[in-house]
Amino acid sequence: MPAVKNVSVDQAWELLEAGALLLDVREASEWALGHSPQALHIPLGDVPDHLDDLEKDRPIVCVCRSGGRSSRAGQFLIDQGFDVVNLDGGMTAWAEQNKPLVADGGEPTIG
């Protein structure tokens, strides 16, 4: 199986605009602090239980705080037959590039 490929924030943004899914695999407490408004939240440990919630014919951009957990999730999903890339630098890089962030309450942060 191929290894998960890292993409920049700009590359991820282009993929999302073309219809890719942004899959945020951070924990619920991290998600609540700040996340992309278009992201789907499935914590890393829950990904194997939610394969039916993902479309195999839709590219996926995995993201976590800095890129480590999402790389593991991405590799797992590739092994299951999904088309996945990993956002290099994670939500930290996303926020640094001033991409949209929302929070469950208050001003969004990445923690």
Protein backbone atom coordinates (compact mmCIF):
# COMPACT_ATOMS: atom_id res chain seq x y z
CA MET A 1 0.00 0.00 0.00
CA PRO A 2 1.20 3.54 -0.67
CA ALA A 3 2.22 5.74 2.25
CA VAL A 4 0.04 8.69 3.20
CA LYS A 5 1.18 11.86 1.43
CA ASN A 6 1.54 15.17 3.29
CA VAL A 7 0.04 18.27 1.70
CA SER A 8 0.38 21.96 2.54
CA VAL A 9 -2.51 24.09 3.75
CA ASP A 10 -2.84 25.61 0.27
CA GLN A 11 -2.91 22.17 -1.36
CA ALA A 12 -5.47 20.97 1.19
CA TRP A 13 -7.60 24.06 0.55
CA GLU A 14 -7.58 23.33 -3.20
CA LEU A 15 -8.64 19.74 -2.55
CA LEU A 16 -11.46 20.88 -0.25
CA GLU A 17 -12.69 23.38 -2.83
CA ALA A 18 -12.73 20.52 -5.35
CA GLY A 19 -14.97 18.46 -3.06
CA ALA A 20 -12.64 16.59 -0.70
CA LEU A 21 -13.69 15.88 2.88
CA LEU A 22 -11.75 17.42 5.77
CA LEU A 23 -11.59 14.76 8.50
CA ASP A 24 -10.55 16.09 11.91
CA VAL A 25 -9.29 13.26 14.13
CA ARG A 26 -8.51 15.31 17.26
CA GLU A 27 -10.15 14.66 20.63
CA ALA A 28 -13.50 16.29 21.46
CA SER A 29 -11.88 18.84 23.79
CA GLU A 30 -9.53 19.99 21.00
CA TRP A 31 -12.40 20.13 18.48
CA ALA A 32 -14.46 22.31 20.85
CA LEU A 33 -11.64 24.88 21.09
CA GLY A 34 -11.50 25.46 17.34
CA HIS A 35 -12.06 23.62 14.07
CA SER A 36 -12.75 24.19 10.41
CA PRO A 37 -16.46 24.80 9.81
CA GLN A 38 -16.50 22.25 6.97
CA ALA A 39 -14.72 19.46 8.87
CA LEU A 40 -16.17 16.13 9.94
CA HIS A 41 -15.09 15.18 13.46
CA ILE A 42 -14.18 11.57 14.21
CA PRO A 43 -11.57 11.16 16.97
CA LEU A 44 -8.62 8.97 15.97
CA GLY A 45 -9.63 6.08 18.21
CA ASP A 46 -13.11 6.02 16.70
CA VAL A 47 -12.09 6.05 13.02
CA PRO A 48 -12.24 2.23 12.60
CA ASP A 49 -15.85 2.26 13.83
CA HIS A 50 -16.92 4.95 11.34
CA LEU A 51 -15.70 3.62 8.00
CA ASP A 52 -19.29 3.44 6.77
CA ASP A 53 -19.61 7.21 7.39
CA LEU A 54 -16.90 7.91 4.80
CA GLU A 55 -17.19 7.74 1.02
CA LYS A 56 -14.52 5.73 -0.79
CA ASP A 57 -14.98 7.79 -3.95
CA ARG A 58 -14.42 11.14 -2.17
CA PRO A 59 -10.87 12.25 -1.39
CA ILE A 60 -10.14 12.84 2.31
CA VAL A 61 -7.79 15.35 3.91
CA CYS A 62 -6.95 14.16 7.45
CA VAL A 63 -6.06 16.73 10.09
CA CYS A 64 -5.14 16.82 13.78
CA ARG A 65 -3.29 19.42 15.84
CA SER A 66 0.14 19.06 14.23
CA GLY A 67 -0.07 16.17 11.74
CA GLY A 68 1.02 13.07 13.67
CA ARG A 69 -2.32 11.49 14.60
CA SER A 70 -3.86 12.41 11.26
CA SER A 71 -0.96 10.73 9.47
CA ARG A 72 -1.74 7.51 11.36
CA ALA A 73 -5.45 7.85 10.57
CA GLY A 74 -4.64 8.56 6.93
CA GLN A 75 -2.45 5.50 6.61
CA PHE A 76 -5.14 3.33 8.20
CA LEU A 77 -7.74 4.72 5.78
CA ILE A 78 -5.45 4.18 2.78
CA ASP A 79 -5.07 0.57 3.90
CA GLN A 80 -8.89 0.32 3.87
CA GLY A 81 -9.06 1.60 0.27
CA PHE A 82 -9.71 5.32 0.80
CA ASP A 83 -8.01 8.17 -1.11
CA VAL A 84 -6.33 10.14 1.70
CA VAL A 85 -3.73 12.85 2.25
CA ASN A 86 -2.49 14.33 5.52
CA LEU A 87 -2.45 18.06 6.29
CA ASP A 88 1.19 18.81 7.11
CA GLY A 89 1.33 20.91 10.27
CA GLY A 90 -2.29 20.16 11.12
CA MET A 91 -4.71 22.71 12.53
CA THR A 92 -1.75 24.71 13.81
CA ALA A 93 -0.67 25.36 10.21
CA TRP A 94 -4.32 25.88 9.19
CA ALA A 95 -4.72 28.65 11.78
CA GLU A 96 -1.36 30.22 10.86
CA GLN A 97 -2.59 30.49 7.25
CA ASN A 98 -5.76 32.27 8.47
CA LYS A 99 -8.13 29.59 7.21
CA PRO A 100 -11.66 29.59 8.70
CA LEU A 101 -12.03 28.47 12.31
CA VAL A 102 -15.08 28.19 14.53
CA ALA A 103 -15.45 27.10 18.16
CA ASP A 104 -18.23 25.55 20.18
CA GLY A 105 -18.17 28.65 22.39
CA GLY A 106 -16.04 31.79 22.40
CA GLU A 107 -13.11 32.72 20.23
CA PRO A 108 -11.62 29.75 18.33
CA THR A 109 -8.10 28.61 19.19
CA ILE A 110 -6.02 25.54 18.47
CA GLY A 111 -4.86 25.09 22.07
